[in-house]
Amino acid sequence: MEIHKIGALANVNPPSQVNKYTVREAAASFSDFLNQSIEKVNRAQLEAEIMTEKLAAGEVQDVHQVMLAEQKAMLSLQLTLEVRNKAVEAYQEIMRMQF
């Protein structure tokens, strides 16, 4: 039985330009990403709070918009908490590693 190499993978070339970040640049980029994500979650929370206040004051007639804003804020917060939990688990796992 003859084994043939996979044609599609035989012609794969490495990328010509690879992004080479220093540790400091990568950390700054990741930090910026986290800060922007937390800001988005905070904005969603504030928007939901404002819409709820407007609903209570009778300024908003569409309850669906308020509920959607509340759900969006809740899901954003839950996702943020899960990402944080996974990051803490990864950190703890790294700390348990023996070198």
C-alpha atoms as a PDB file:
ATOM      1  CA  MET A   1       0.000   0.000   0.000  1.00  0.00           C
ATOM      2  CA  GLU A   2       1.463   3.301  -1.081  1.00  0.00           C
ATOM      3  CA  ILE A   3       1.021   6.373   1.079  1.00  0.00           C
ATOM      4  CA  HIS A   4       0.749   9.714  -0.680  1.00  0.00           C
ATOM      5  CA  LYS A   5       1.372  13.040   0.975  1.00  0.00           C
ATOM      6  CA  ILE A   6      -1.458  15.484   1.269  1.00  0.00           C
ATOM      7  CA  GLY A   7      -1.259  17.825  -1.698  1.00  0.00           C
ATOM      8  CA  ALA A   8      -2.860  20.829  -0.053  1.00  0.00           C
ATOM      9  CA  LEU A   9      -0.367  20.851   2.815  1.00  0.00           C
ATOM     10  CA  ALA A  10       2.678  20.102   0.698  1.00  0.00           C
ATOM     11  CA  ASN A  11       2.702  23.603  -0.773  1.00  0.00           C
ATOM     12  CA  VAL A  12       2.116  25.512   2.463  1.00  0.00           C
ATOM     13  CA  ASN A  13       4.691  28.223   2.974  1.00  0.00           C
ATOM     14  CA  PRO A  14       5.314  29.993   6.254  1.00  0.00           C
ATOM     15  CA  PRO A  15       3.977  33.532   6.443  1.00  0.00           C
ATOM     16  CA  SER A  16       6.370  36.038   4.926  1.00  0.00           C
ATOM     17  CA  GLN A  17       5.861  38.560   7.669  1.00  0.00           C
ATOM     18  CA  VAL A  18       5.298  37.531  11.268  1.00  0.00           C
ATOM     19  CA  ASN A  19       4.290  40.057  13.878  1.00  0.00           C
ATOM     20  CA  LYS A  20       7.083  40.171  16.386  1.00  0.00           C
ATOM     21  CA  TYR A  21       6.002  41.889  19.553  1.00  0.00           C
ATOM     22  CA  THR A  22       8.224  42.438  22.500  1.00  0.00           C
ATOM     23  CA  VAL A  23       6.880  41.273  25.815  1.00  0.00           C
ATOM     24  CA  ARG A  24       6.227  44.865  26.813  1.00  0.00           C
ATOM     25  CA  GLU A  25       4.297  45.605  23.593  1.00  0.00           C
ATOM     26  CA  ALA A  26       2.226  42.448  23.927  1.00  0.00           C
ATOM     27  CA  ALA A  27       1.421  43.227  27.569  1.00  0.00           C
ATOM     28  CA  ALA A  28       0.415  46.782  26.676  1.00  0.00           C
ATOM     29  CA  SER A  29      -1.756  45.559  23.821  1.00  0.00           C
ATOM     30  CA  PHE A  30      -3.478  42.980  26.043  1.00  0.00           C
ATOM     31  CA  SER A  31      -3.917  45.566  28.788  1.00  0.00           C
ATOM     32  CA  ASP A  32      -5.521  47.986  26.340  1.00  0.00           C
ATOM     33  CA  PHE A  33      -7.852  45.251  25.115  1.00  0.00           C
ATOM     34  CA  LEU A  34      -8.930  44.422  28.682  1.00  0.00           C
ATOM     35  CA  ASN A  35      -9.489  48.070  29.551  1.00  0.00           C
ATOM     36  CA  GLN A  36     -11.618  48.614  26.441  1.00  0.00           C
ATOM     37  CA  SER A  37     -13.650  45.493  27.175  1.00  0.00           C
ATOM     38  CA  ILE A  38     -14.311  46.531  30.764  1.00  0.00           C
ATOM     39  CA  GLU A  39     -15.323  49.996  29.554  1.00  0.00           C
ATOM     40  CA  LYS A  40     -17.862  48.415  27.176  1.00  0.00           C
ATOM     41  CA  VAL A  41     -19.327  46.338  30.012  1.00  0.00           C
ATOM     42  CA  ASN A  42     -19.520  49.426  32.204  1.00  0.00           C
ATOM     43  CA  ARG A  43     -21.275  51.412  29.453  1.00  0.00           C
ATOM     44  CA  ALA A  44     -23.809  48.603  28.989  1.00  0.00           C
ATOM     45  CA  GLN A  45     -24.486  48.575  32.738  1.00  0.00           C
ATOM     46  CA  LEU A  46     -24.942  52.355  32.844  1.00  0.00           C
ATOM     47  CA  GLU A  47     -27.199  52.319  29.783  1.00  0.00           C
ATOM     48  CA  ALA A  48     -29.399  49.631  31.341  1.00  0.00           C
ATOM     49  CA  GLU A  49     -29.587  51.588  34.596  1.00  0.00           C
ATOM     50  CA  ILE A  50     -30.577  54.809  32.794  1.00  0.00           C
ATOM     51  CA  MET A  51     -33.230  53.019  30.747  1.00  0.00           C
ATOM     52  CA  THR A  52     -34.652  51.387  33.876  1.00  0.00           C
ATOM     53  CA  GLU A  53     -34.871  54.784  35.575  1.00  0.00           C
ATOM     54  CA  LYS A  54     -36.602  56.243  32.509  1.00  0.00           C
ATOM     55  CA  LEU A  55     -39.080  53.348  32.502  1.00  0.00           C
ATOM     56  CA  ALA A  56     -39.872  53.930  36.171  1.00  0.00           C
ATOM     57  CA  ALA A  57     -40.365  57.630  35.481  1.00  0.00           C
ATOM     58  CA  GLY A  58     -42.689  56.866  32.561  1.00  0.00           C
ATOM     59  CA  GLU A  59     -40.386  58.370  29.946  1.00  0.00           C
ATOM     60  CA  VAL A  60     -39.915  55.065  28.071  1.00  0.00           C
ATOM     61  CA  GLN A  61     -42.959  53.266  26.726  1.00  0.00           C
ATOM     62  CA  ASP A  62     -41.209  50.294  25.099  1.00  0.00           C
ATOM     63  CA  VAL A  63     -40.471  47.742  27.812  1.00  0.00           C
ATOM     64  CA  HIS A  64     -38.723  45.521  25.281  1.00  0.00           C
ATOM     65  CA  GLN A  65     -35.898  48.019  24.828  1.00  0.00           C
ATOM     66  CA  VAL A  66     -35.362  48.176  28.568  1.00  0.00           C
ATOM     67  CA  MET A  67     -35.354  44.400  28.912  1.00  0.00           C
ATOM     68  CA  LEU A  68     -32.907  44.031  26.011  1.00  0.00           C
ATOM     69  CA  ALA A  69     -30.567  46.575  27.581  1.00  0.00           C
ATOM     70  CA  GLU A  70     -30.779  44.757  30.932  1.00  0.00           C
ATOM     71  CA  GLN A  71     -30.075  41.371  29.326  1.00  0.00           C
ATOM     72  CA  LYS A  72     -27.183  42.767  27.310  1.00  0.00           C
ATOM     73  CA  ALA A  73     -25.644  44.247  30.459  1.00  0.00           C
ATOM     74  CA  MET A  74     -26.165  41.026  32.412  1.00  0.00           C
ATOM     75  CA  LEU A  75     -24.645  38.827  29.698  1.00  0.00           C
ATOM     76  CA  SER A  76     -21.688  41.179  29.291  1.00  0.00           C
ATOM     77  CA  LEU A  77     -21.012  41.041  33.011  1.00  0.00           C
ATOM     78  CA  GLN A  78     -21.341  37.249  33.118  1.00  0.00           C
ATOM     79  CA  LEU A  79     -18.923  36.881  30.212  1.00  0.00           C
ATOM     80  CA  THR A  80     -16.447  39.205  31.908  1.00  0.00           C
ATOM     81  CA  LEU A  81     -16.642  37.208  35.127  1.00  0.00           C
ATOM     82  CA  GLU A  82     -16.097  33.927  33.283  1.00  0.00           C
ATOM     83  CA  VAL A  83     -13.074  35.323  31.448  1.00  0.00           C
ATOM     84  CA  ARG A  84     -11.696  36.530  34.776  1.00  0.00           C
ATOM     85  CA  ASN A  85     -12.274  33.109  36.333  1.00  0.00           C
ATOM     86  CA  LYS A  86     -10.465  31.380  33.454  1.00  0.00           C
ATOM     87  CA  ALA A  87      -7.562  33.825  33.729  1.00  0.00           C
ATOM     88  CA  VAL A  88      -7.267  33.152  37.461  1.00  0.00           C
ATOM     89  CA  GLU A  89      -7.386  29.394  36.841  1.00  0.00           C
ATOM     90  CA  ALA A  90      -4.658  29.701  34.203  1.00  0.00           C
ATOM     91  CA  TYR A  91      -2.512  31.774  36.566  1.00  0.00           C
ATOM     92  CA  GLN A  92      -2.966  29.234  39.349  1.00  0.00           C
ATOM     93  CA  GLU A  93      -2.076  26.404  36.986  1.00  0.00           C
ATOM     94  CA  ILE A  94       1.095  28.202  35.897  1.00  0.00           C
ATOM     95  CA  MET A  95       2.044  28.788  39.524  1.00  0.00           C
ATOM     96  CA  ARG A  96       1.683  25.040  40.223  1.00  0.00           C
ATOM     97  CA  MET A  97       4.059  24.127  37.394  1.00  0.00           C
ATOM     98  CA  GLN A  98       7.469  22.871  38.342  1.00  0.00           C
ATOM     99  CA  PHE A  99      10.398  24.052  36.279  1.00  0.00           C
END
